[in-house]
Amino acid sequence: MQFIGIDLHTSKFTCCCRDESSPADGKGGKRTETFGLHGFGLAEFCQTLSPDAYVLIEATITTFAFARLIKPYVKEAIVANTYELKQISLARKNTDKIDADILCRIVKMQVLSGEKAISPATIPPAEIQGLRGLFTTCRLYKKQATQSKNRIHSILKENLYGFTQEEIFDKKSRKKMLELETDTPMAFQASQLFENLEFLERQAEKLQEKIMEHAEPFMREIDILTSMKGVSVFIAIAVIAGIIKADRFKNSKAFASYLRSAPKVSNSNASASIRGTNKKGRKLSSALLTQSLNHALAASLKLREWYEKLTEYKKAGLARTGLRRRILAEIYQMLKKGEYHYGREAVNMRPKCANTKSFLKKGKKCKNSLTFIIDACETTGGSRLPQAVRPFCGEEAFPP
C-alpha cells in the first residue's frame, strides 16, 4: 500500500510517499517530490499513483477539484479539515516537505491502525460546489453594499443632515438626496457611493437569480423545506448547498453542529461551561436562518412558548442559538423522512410556489423536466397534507 500526504498550493504541490515497510520514526523510507499544478505536472503525478494508495490532503480552496481529479487513480482520497491538523502548526520548522511528511504519517497511522484520527471532509459534487461559490460572491456583494450604506449615512451625519436610514436607502428618495447640494465634497462622495450601491444591488439580484436556476436539481428538497414557515426558497437552497445530503449525518445533533448551531459543552469536575460552535462546519445556512427566526416564532405558538421559557434562564444569544438548533432539528427530520412540515398551510405556500415557478421559467425548463414539484396550493384543508408528488407538467402545476 502507498500512503501519500500532499501539501497543496495554488501553483504547485509537494507530496510525500511512504509504504507499509517504512520505519515508524519517520526518518527514512520516504519519497518527497514537488509537481506543478498544471496539465503536465498533474499527469506526471498521476502516473506515480497506484490503485491501493491512500492520499491525505489538507483542505484549501483548490482541494476539492484536485481530489475529484485524482480519485479514480487511488483507493481513497481523504480531505482533512484544517482544524484537525494542529500537528502541522505545532511543528518547529514549517516547510512544504515537512507538512507533506506529517500528512503522510497521519494517513498511514490511520489506515494501518484502523483509528480515525482525522475525519474526512465530504467532497461536494460539482453542482454543490457551484452553488457554494455563487453564495460566496453574493455575500461579498451584500457586504460591500452594507459598507457603502454605512459610509453614506456617516457623510450625511457629518454634515448635520438628520435623515433616517429608511429615508436614505429608499430608492424613491435617492434622487432627492443627491439634489441637496452640488459641487461639494459631500455631494461628490454621495453620488459615487449611490452609483456603487446601485451597481452592487443589481449584481446581487442577478446572482440570486442564478442561484435559483442552478438549484433546479434539488427542487424536491427545496419544496419540502419551504413547507416550513420562515424558510424561503433562498434559505432552502443555502441549507442544501451546506449539507449536500441529510442522510450523511447520524442524527439531528450532528446536523445542527455542522451548521454551526450546536455549541460545545466542556465538563471539568463539578463545573460545566458552554464554548463556541463547531468551526469545522458551515455557517451560511445559520446566518440566513437567524434572520427569519421571528417568522418561525410568529407562526408557532408552541415554539414561542418554548422560546420564552428558555429566555428566562439563558442569555439572549444562547437562546437564539437554541431556537435555531431546534428549527434545524425539524429541518433534518423533514429531509431525512421526505415529509412536509406539520404546520404547513397551503394558502401561505402560494407566494413560495410563485417564486419557484418564476425561476423555473427563467431557467427555460421544458415540460418534460425530471424535476418533481409538489403542488402546495392544490390541497387547502388541514395542517397534515398528503404527500402528492408528480412531475412538473406546466401551468397546471401552479393553480391561480
Protein backbone atom coordinates (compact mmCIF):
# COMPACT_ATOMS: atom_id res chain seq x y z
CA MET A 1 0.00 0.00 0.00
CA GLN A 2 1.01 3.57 -0.67
CA PHE A 3 0.47 6.39 1.82
CA ILE A 4 0.71 9.88 0.37
CA GLY A 5 0.49 13.26 2.09
CA ILE A 6 0.04 16.31 -0.13
CA ASP A 7 0.72 19.93 0.76
CA LEU A 8 -1.32 21.75 -1.89
CA HIS A 9 -0.81 25.32 -3.09
CA THR A 10 -2.24 27.42 -5.91
CA SER A 11 0.57 26.77 -8.43
CA LYS A 12 2.31 23.61 -7.18
CA PHE A 13 2.03 20.82 -4.63
CA THR A 14 4.52 18.78 -2.61
CA CYS A 15 3.81 15.11 -1.91
CA CYS A 16 5.47 12.69 0.49
CA CYS A 17 5.06 8.96 -0.22
CA ARG A 18 5.62 6.01 2.14
CA ASP A 19 4.80 2.31 2.10
CA GLU A 20 3.98 -0.23 4.82
CA SER A 21 7.63 -1.12 5.39
CA SER A 22 8.87 2.43 6.10
CA PRO A 23 10.14 2.96 9.68
CA ALA A 24 7.74 4.32 12.28
CA ASP A 25 10.06 7.11 13.44
CA GLY A 26 9.51 8.89 10.13
CA LYS A 27 13.21 9.49 9.42
CA GLY A 28 13.54 7.21 6.40
CA GLY A 29 11.74 5.17 3.78
CA LYS A 30 10.02 8.16 2.24
CA ARG A 31 10.00 9.85 -1.16
CA THR A 32 9.27 13.57 -1.49
CA GLU A 33 8.58 15.30 -4.79
CA THR A 34 7.12 18.61 -5.97
CA PHE A 35 4.86 18.89 -9.03
CA GLY A 36 3.36 21.83 -10.84
CA LEU A 37 -0.41 22.26 -10.57
CA HIS A 38 -1.00 22.19 -14.32
CA GLY A 39 -1.70 19.62 -17.03
CA PHE A 40 1.81 18.18 -17.36
CA GLY A 41 2.55 18.18 -13.63
CA LEU A 42 -0.76 16.51 -12.76
CA ALA A 43 -0.28 13.88 -15.47
CA GLU A 44 3.22 13.13 -14.18
CA PHE A 45 1.92 12.82 -10.61
CA CYS A 46 -1.00 10.54 -11.59
CA GLN A 47 1.49 8.12 -13.19
CA THR A 48 3.11 7.60 -9.77
CA LEU A 49 -0.18 6.60 -8.12
CA SER A 50 -1.34 3.03 -7.53
CA PRO A 51 -4.89 1.65 -7.03
CA ASP A 52 -4.09 0.76 -3.38
CA ALA A 53 -2.88 4.26 -2.44
CA TYR A 54 -4.33 6.36 0.38
CA VAL A 55 -3.97 10.14 -0.10
CA LEU A 56 -4.44 12.80 2.60
CA ILE A 57 -4.86 16.43 1.52
CA GLU A 58 -5.32 19.47 3.71
CA ALA A 59 -8.45 21.46 2.83
CA THR A 60 -7.74 24.61 0.82
CA ILE A 61 -9.56 26.46 -1.95
CA THR A 62 -8.12 24.10 -4.61
CA THR A 63 -8.51 20.85 -2.67
CA PHE A 64 -11.94 19.63 -3.81
CA ALA A 65 -11.19 19.98 -7.52
CA PHE A 66 -7.80 18.30 -7.02
CA ALA A 67 -9.33 15.44 -5.01
CA ARG A 68 -12.01 14.80 -7.65
CA LEU A 69 -9.27 14.64 -10.28
CA ILE A 70 -7.07 12.02 -8.56
CA LYS A 71 -9.88 9.98 -7.02
CA PRO A 72 -10.13 7.48 -9.94
CA TYR A 73 -6.41 6.63 -9.57
CA VAL A 74 -6.31 5.82 -5.83
CA LYS A 75 -8.17 3.72 -3.31
CA GLU A 76 -9.18 6.69 -1.16
CA ALA A 77 -8.59 10.44 -1.31
CA ILE A 78 -9.13 11.97 2.14
CA VAL A 79 -9.66 15.71 2.60
CA ALA A 80 -8.70 16.75 6.14
CA ASN A 81 -10.20 19.77 7.85
CA THR A 82 -7.57 22.32 8.86
CA TYR A 83 -8.89 22.42 12.44
CA GLU A 84 -7.94 18.74 12.85
CA LEU A 85 -4.35 19.23 11.68
CA LYS A 86 -2.87 21.16 14.60
CA GLN A 87 0.21 18.94 14.41
CA ILE A 88 1.39 20.92 11.39
CA SER A 89 1.09 24.29 13.12
CA LEU A 90 2.98 22.93 16.15
CA ALA A 91 5.96 21.78 14.06
CA ARG A 92 9.17 23.63 14.91
CA LYS A 93 10.15 24.09 11.29
CA ASN A 94 7.36 24.62 8.82
CA THR A 95 8.16 23.80 5.19
CA ASP A 96 6.22 22.15 2.36
CA LYS A 97 8.23 18.93 2.72
CA ILE A 98 7.64 18.74 6.49
CA ASP A 99 3.91 19.42 6.05
CA ALA A 100 3.61 16.70 3.38
CA ASP A 101 5.56 14.26 5.57
CA ILE A 102 3.29 14.87 8.56
CA LEU A 103 0.20 14.31 6.39
CA CYS A 104 1.74 11.11 5.02
CA ARG A 105 2.44 9.76 8.51
CA ILE A 106 -1.07 10.66 9.70
CA VAL A 107 -2.80 8.79 6.87
CA LYS A 108 -0.50 5.77 7.30
CA MET A 109 -1.20 5.58 11.04
CA GLN A 110 -4.93 5.98 10.45
CA VAL A 111 -5.20 3.26 7.79
CA LEU A 112 -2.97 0.67 9.48
CA SER A 113 -4.35 1.17 12.99
CA GLY A 114 -7.99 1.50 11.99
CA GLU A 115 -8.43 4.51 14.26
CA LYS A 116 -9.92 7.64 12.70
CA ALA A 117 -7.66 10.41 13.93
CA ILE A 118 -8.80 12.57 11.03
CA SER A 119 -12.45 12.54 9.96
CA PRO A 120 -12.52 13.06 6.18
CA ALA A 121 -14.37 16.03 4.78
CA THR A 122 -17.05 15.25 2.22
CA ILE A 123 -16.05 16.15 -1.31
CA PRO A 124 -19.08 18.03 -2.69
CA PRO A 125 -20.45 17.35 -6.19
CA ALA A 126 -19.75 19.95 -8.85
CA GLU A 127 -23.34 21.28 -8.59
CA ILE A 128 -23.00 21.91 -4.86
CA GLN A 129 -19.55 23.44 -5.29
CA GLY A 130 -21.02 25.81 -7.89
CA LEU A 131 -23.83 26.83 -5.54
CA ARG A 132 -21.39 27.50 -2.72
CA GLY A 133 -19.30 29.70 -4.99
CA LEU A 134 -22.37 31.69 -6.05
CA PHE A 135 -23.39 32.20 -2.42
CA THR A 136 -19.88 33.37 -1.51
CA THR A 137 -19.89 36.01 -4.25
CA CYS A 138 -23.43 37.07 -3.33
CA ARG A 139 -22.39 37.56 0.31
CA LEU A 140 -19.43 39.61 -0.88
CA TYR A 141 -21.75 41.96 -2.82
CA LYS A 142 -24.05 42.24 0.21
CA LYS A 143 -21.13 43.07 2.48
CA GLN A 144 -19.84 45.75 0.10
CA ALA A 145 -23.34 47.22 -0.22
CA THR A 146 -23.60 47.45 3.58
CA GLN A 147 -20.25 49.23 3.73
CA SER A 148 -21.43 51.75 1.12
CA LYS A 149 -24.64 52.37 3.06
CA ASN A 150 -22.75 52.95 6.29
CA ARG A 151 -20.43 55.41 4.59
CA ILE A 152 -23.35 57.35 3.06
CA HIS A 153 -25.01 57.54 6.45
CA SER A 154 -21.77 58.80 8.04
CA ILE A 155 -21.29 61.51 5.40
CA LEU A 156 -24.80 62.85 5.92
CA LYS A 157 -24.44 62.86 9.70
CA GLU A 158 -21.12 64.70 9.45
CA ASN A 159 -22.88 67.46 7.53
CA LEU A 160 -25.81 67.61 10.00
CA TYR A 161 -28.43 66.02 7.76
CA GLY A 162 -30.74 64.16 10.09
CA PHE A 163 -32.10 61.54 7.72
CA THR A 164 -33.07 58.13 8.97
CA GLN A 165 -31.68 55.03 7.29
CA GLU A 166 -35.13 54.28 5.81
CA GLU A 167 -35.15 57.70 4.15
CA ILE A 168 -31.61 57.37 2.87
CA PHE A 169 -31.89 53.94 1.31
CA ASP A 170 -35.38 54.13 -0.11
CA LYS A 171 -34.84 54.06 -3.89
CA LYS A 172 -37.51 56.72 -4.45
CA SER A 173 -35.75 59.21 -2.21
CA ARG A 174 -32.22 58.67 -3.52
CA LYS A 175 -32.68 61.23 -6.28
CA LYS A 176 -33.75 63.87 -3.76
CA MET A 177 -30.77 63.05 -1.59
CA LEU A 178 -28.38 63.73 -4.47
CA GLU A 179 -30.01 67.09 -5.19
CA LEU A 180 -29.33 68.54 -1.75
CA GLU A 181 -26.15 70.36 -2.81
CA THR A 182 -23.93 70.44 -5.86
CA ASP A 183 -20.18 70.84 -6.32
CA THR A 184 -19.36 69.95 -2.73
CA PRO A 185 -17.22 67.09 -1.37
CA MET A 186 -20.31 65.65 0.32
CA ALA A 187 -22.36 65.63 -2.90
CA PHE A 188 -19.48 64.13 -4.90
CA GLN A 189 -18.95 61.32 -2.40
CA ALA A 190 -22.67 60.63 -2.05
CA SER A 191 -23.10 60.47 -5.83
CA GLN A 192 -20.30 57.97 -6.28
CA LEU A 193 -21.40 55.86 -3.33
CA PHE A 194 -25.00 55.71 -4.53
CA GLU A 195 -23.83 54.66 -8.00
CA ASN A 196 -21.69 51.94 -6.45
CA LEU A 197 -24.58 50.85 -4.20
CA GLU A 198 -27.00 50.53 -7.12
CA PHE A 199 -24.42 48.55 -9.10
CA LEU A 200 -23.87 46.14 -6.18
CA GLU A 201 -27.61 45.69 -5.69
CA ARG A 202 -28.08 44.85 -9.38
CA GLN A 203 -25.23 42.37 -9.28
CA ALA A 204 -26.63 40.73 -6.12
CA GLU A 205 -30.05 40.35 -7.76
CA LYS A 206 -28.50 38.69 -10.81
CA LEU A 207 -26.58 36.31 -8.57
CA GLN A 208 -29.71 35.39 -6.62
CA GLU A 209 -31.49 34.56 -9.87
CA LYS A 210 -28.52 32.45 -10.96
CA ILE A 211 -28.53 30.64 -7.63
CA MET A 212 -32.19 29.74 -8.08
CA GLU A 213 -31.62 28.49 -11.61
CA HIS A 214 -28.57 26.47 -10.56
CA ALA A 215 -30.59 24.82 -7.75
CA GLU A 216 -33.00 23.15 -10.20
CA PRO A 217 -31.70 19.58 -9.48
CA PHE A 218 -32.65 19.99 -5.81
CA MET A 219 -36.26 21.08 -6.29
CA ARG A 220 -37.66 18.13 -4.34
CA GLU A 221 -35.67 19.05 -1.20
CA ILE A 222 -36.38 22.77 -1.66
CA ASP A 223 -40.11 22.14 -1.84
CA ILE A 224 -40.02 20.13 1.39
CA LEU A 225 -38.04 22.83 3.22
CA THR A 226 -40.25 25.70 2.09
CA SER A 227 -43.27 23.98 3.66
CA MET A 228 -41.88 25.30 6.96
CA LYS A 229 -42.84 28.87 7.84
CA GLY A 230 -39.87 31.20 7.88
CA VAL A 231 -37.88 29.18 5.33
CA SER A 232 -37.76 30.92 1.95
CA VAL A 233 -36.58 29.39 -1.31
CA PHE A 234 -33.25 31.20 -0.91
CA ILE A 235 -32.71 29.83 2.63
CA ALA A 236 -33.71 26.34 1.48
CA ILE A 237 -31.09 26.44 -1.28
CA ALA A 238 -28.48 27.62 1.24
CA VAL A 239 -29.27 24.65 3.51
CA ILE A 240 -28.92 22.18 0.63
CA ALA A 241 -25.67 23.81 -0.51
CA GLY A 242 -24.30 23.46 3.02
CA ILE A 243 -25.27 19.89 3.88
CA ILE A 244 -25.29 18.22 0.40
CA LYS A 245 -27.45 15.37 1.78
CA ALA A 246 -29.19 14.93 5.12
CA ASP A 247 -28.55 11.18 5.30
CA ARG A 248 -24.81 11.67 5.78
CA PHE A 249 -25.48 12.86 9.36
CA LYS A 250 -26.19 10.24 12.01
CA ASN A 251 -28.64 12.42 13.97
CA SER A 252 -30.06 15.92 14.28
CA LYS A 253 -27.34 16.95 16.75
CA ALA A 254 -24.59 16.24 14.22
CA PHE A 255 -26.68 18.04 11.59
CA ALA A 256 -27.05 21.18 13.74
CA SER A 257 -23.39 21.03 14.79
CA TYR A 258 -22.23 21.02 11.16
CA LEU A 259 -24.38 24.10 10.52
CA ARG A 260 -22.76 25.96 13.43
CA SER A 261 -25.80 25.81 15.73
CA ALA A 262 -24.74 23.39 18.48
CA PRO A 263 -22.24 24.88 20.95
CA LYS A 264 -19.62 22.69 22.59
CA VAL A 265 -20.01 21.83 26.28
CA SER A 266 -16.89 21.37 28.41
CA ASN A 267 -17.14 19.48 31.74
CA SER A 268 -14.48 19.52 34.43
CA ASN A 269 -15.16 18.13 37.90
CA ALA A 270 -18.46 19.73 39.01
CA SER A 271 -18.36 22.66 36.60
CA ALA A 272 -19.63 22.91 33.04
CA SER A 273 -19.03 25.65 30.50
CA ILE A 274 -20.51 26.31 27.08
CA ARG A 275 -18.00 27.13 24.37
CA GLY A 276 -18.21 28.20 20.74
CA THR A 277 -19.80 26.33 17.86
CA ASN A 278 -18.17 23.79 15.58
CA LYS A 279 -15.56 25.59 13.46
CA LYS A 280 -15.39 22.67 11.04
CA GLY A 281 -18.95 23.25 9.84
CA ARG A 282 -20.55 25.76 7.50
CA LYS A 283 -22.20 28.96 8.75
CA LEU A 284 -24.10 30.30 5.72
CA SER A 285 -27.36 28.49 6.50
CA SER A 286 -27.33 29.56 10.15
CA ALA A 287 -26.64 33.19 9.23
CA LEU A 288 -29.61 33.29 6.84
CA LEU A 289 -31.88 31.29 9.12
CA THR A 290 -31.21 33.66 12.03
CA GLN A 291 -32.79 36.47 10.02
CA SER A 292 -36.08 34.55 9.77
CA LEU A 293 -36.39 33.30 13.36
CA ASN A 294 -39.09 35.88 14.15
CA HIS A 295 -41.26 34.44 11.36
CA ALA A 296 -40.92 30.97 12.86
CA LEU A 297 -41.85 32.29 16.32
CA ALA A 298 -44.88 34.14 14.98
CA ALA A 299 -46.09 31.05 13.13
CA SER A 300 -45.97 28.58 16.04
CA LEU A 301 -47.49 29.22 19.47
CA LYS A 302 -45.83 26.10 20.87
CA LEU A 303 -42.41 27.20 19.65
CA ARG A 304 -42.90 30.71 21.01
CA GLU A 305 -43.84 29.41 24.49
CA TRP A 306 -40.77 27.15 24.48
CA TYR A 307 -38.53 30.08 23.49
CA GLU A 308 -39.98 32.37 26.18
CA LYS A 309 -39.25 29.77 28.86
CA LEU A 310 -35.72 29.38 27.51
CA THR A 311 -35.04 33.13 27.74
CA GLU A 312 -35.85 33.06 31.47
CA TYR A 313 -32.59 31.28 32.33
CA LYS A 314 -30.46 31.68 29.16
CA LYS A 315 -28.74 34.72 27.73
CA ALA A 316 -30.26 36.23 24.59
CA GLY A 317 -27.53 34.91 22.28
CA LEU A 318 -27.70 31.38 23.68
CA ALA A 319 -31.48 31.40 23.48
CA ARG A 320 -31.36 32.39 19.80
CA THR A 321 -28.82 29.64 19.15
CA GLY A 322 -31.08 27.15 20.91
CA LEU A 323 -34.05 28.25 18.82
CA ARG A 324 -32.04 27.93 15.63
CA ARG A 325 -30.88 24.47 16.65
CA ARG A 326 -34.45 23.34 17.29
CA ILE A 327 -35.55 24.58 13.85
CA LEU A 328 -32.59 22.80 12.23
CA ALA A 329 -33.55 19.59 14.05
CA GLU A 330 -37.01 19.83 12.45
CA ILE A 331 -35.42 20.51 9.07
CA TYR A 332 -33.24 17.41 9.49
CA GLN A 333 -36.25 15.20 10.20
CA MET A 334 -38.15 16.66 7.24
CA LEU A 335 -35.31 15.96 4.82
CA LYS A 336 -34.48 12.53 6.21
CA LYS A 337 -38.09 11.32 6.11
CA GLY A 338 -39.03 13.23 2.96
CA GLU A 339 -42.05 14.77 4.69
CA TYR A 340 -43.54 18.25 4.81
CA HIS A 341 -43.59 20.31 7.98
CA TYR A 342 -46.52 19.54 10.28
CA GLY A 343 -47.56 23.22 10.30
CA ARG A 344 -47.68 23.55 6.54
CA GLU A 345 -50.58 25.65 5.21
CA ALA A 346 -51.46 25.64 1.53
CA VAL A 347 -52.61 29.27 1.45
CA ASN A 348 -49.30 30.56 2.78
CA MET A 349 -47.40 28.38 0.31
CA ARG A 350 -48.76 30.28 -2.71
CA PRO A 351 -46.06 33.02 -2.75
CA LYS A 352 -43.30 30.41 -2.45
CA CYS A 353 -44.84 28.38 -5.27
CA ALA A 354 -44.99 31.50 -7.43
CA ASN A 355 -41.32 32.17 -6.70
CA THR A 356 -40.46 28.60 -7.67
CA LYS A 357 -42.45 28.91 -10.87
CA SER A 358 -40.74 32.18 -11.72
CA PHE A 359 -37.17 30.95 -11.54
CA LEU A 360 -38.03 27.74 -13.38
CA LYS A 361 -39.39 29.86 -16.21
CA LYS A 362 -36.24 31.96 -16.25
CA GLY A 363 -34.23 28.77 -16.48
CA LYS A 364 -36.34 27.82 -19.53
CA LYS A 365 -37.05 24.35 -18.23
CA CYS A 366 -39.14 22.20 -20.57
CA LYS A 367 -42.33 20.38 -19.60
CA ASN A 368 -40.55 17.03 -19.67
CA SER A 369 -38.09 18.06 -16.96
CA LEU A 370 -37.17 15.40 -14.41
CA THR A 371 -37.78 17.93 -11.66
CA PHE A 372 -40.51 16.95 -9.22
CA ILE A 373 -42.69 19.80 -7.98
CA ILE A 374 -45.17 19.24 -5.21
CA ASP A 375 -48.36 21.18 -5.73
CA ALA A 376 -48.53 23.10 -2.46
CA CYS A 377 -51.64 25.03 -3.48
CA GLU A 378 -53.82 22.13 -4.56
CA THR A 379 -54.94 20.98 -1.13
CA THR A 380 -56.41 23.57 1.23
CA GLY A 381 -57.55 21.68 4.30
CA GLY A 382 -55.70 20.72 7.46
CA SER A 383 -52.11 21.07 8.56
CA ARG A 384 -51.11 17.50 7.71
CA LEU A 385 -51.43 17.26 3.98
CA PRO A 386 -50.97 14.21 1.72
CA GLN A 387 -47.60 13.64 0.06
CA ALA A 388 -48.77 14.07 -3.52
CA VAL A 389 -45.76 14.07 -5.81
CA ARG A 390 -45.94 14.33 -9.58
CA PRO A 391 -43.66 15.52 -12.38
CA PHE A 392 -43.69 19.17 -13.31
CA CYS A 393 -46.24 19.43 -16.06
CA GLY A 394 -46.53 23.11 -16.91
CA GLU A 395 -49.03 25.75 -15.89
CA GLU A 396 -51.49 23.36 -14.26
CA ALA A 397 -48.91 22.60 -11.54
CA PHE A 398 -49.48 26.08 -10.17
CA PRO A 399 -53.20 26.91 -9.99
CA PRO A 400 -54.05 30.63 -9.85
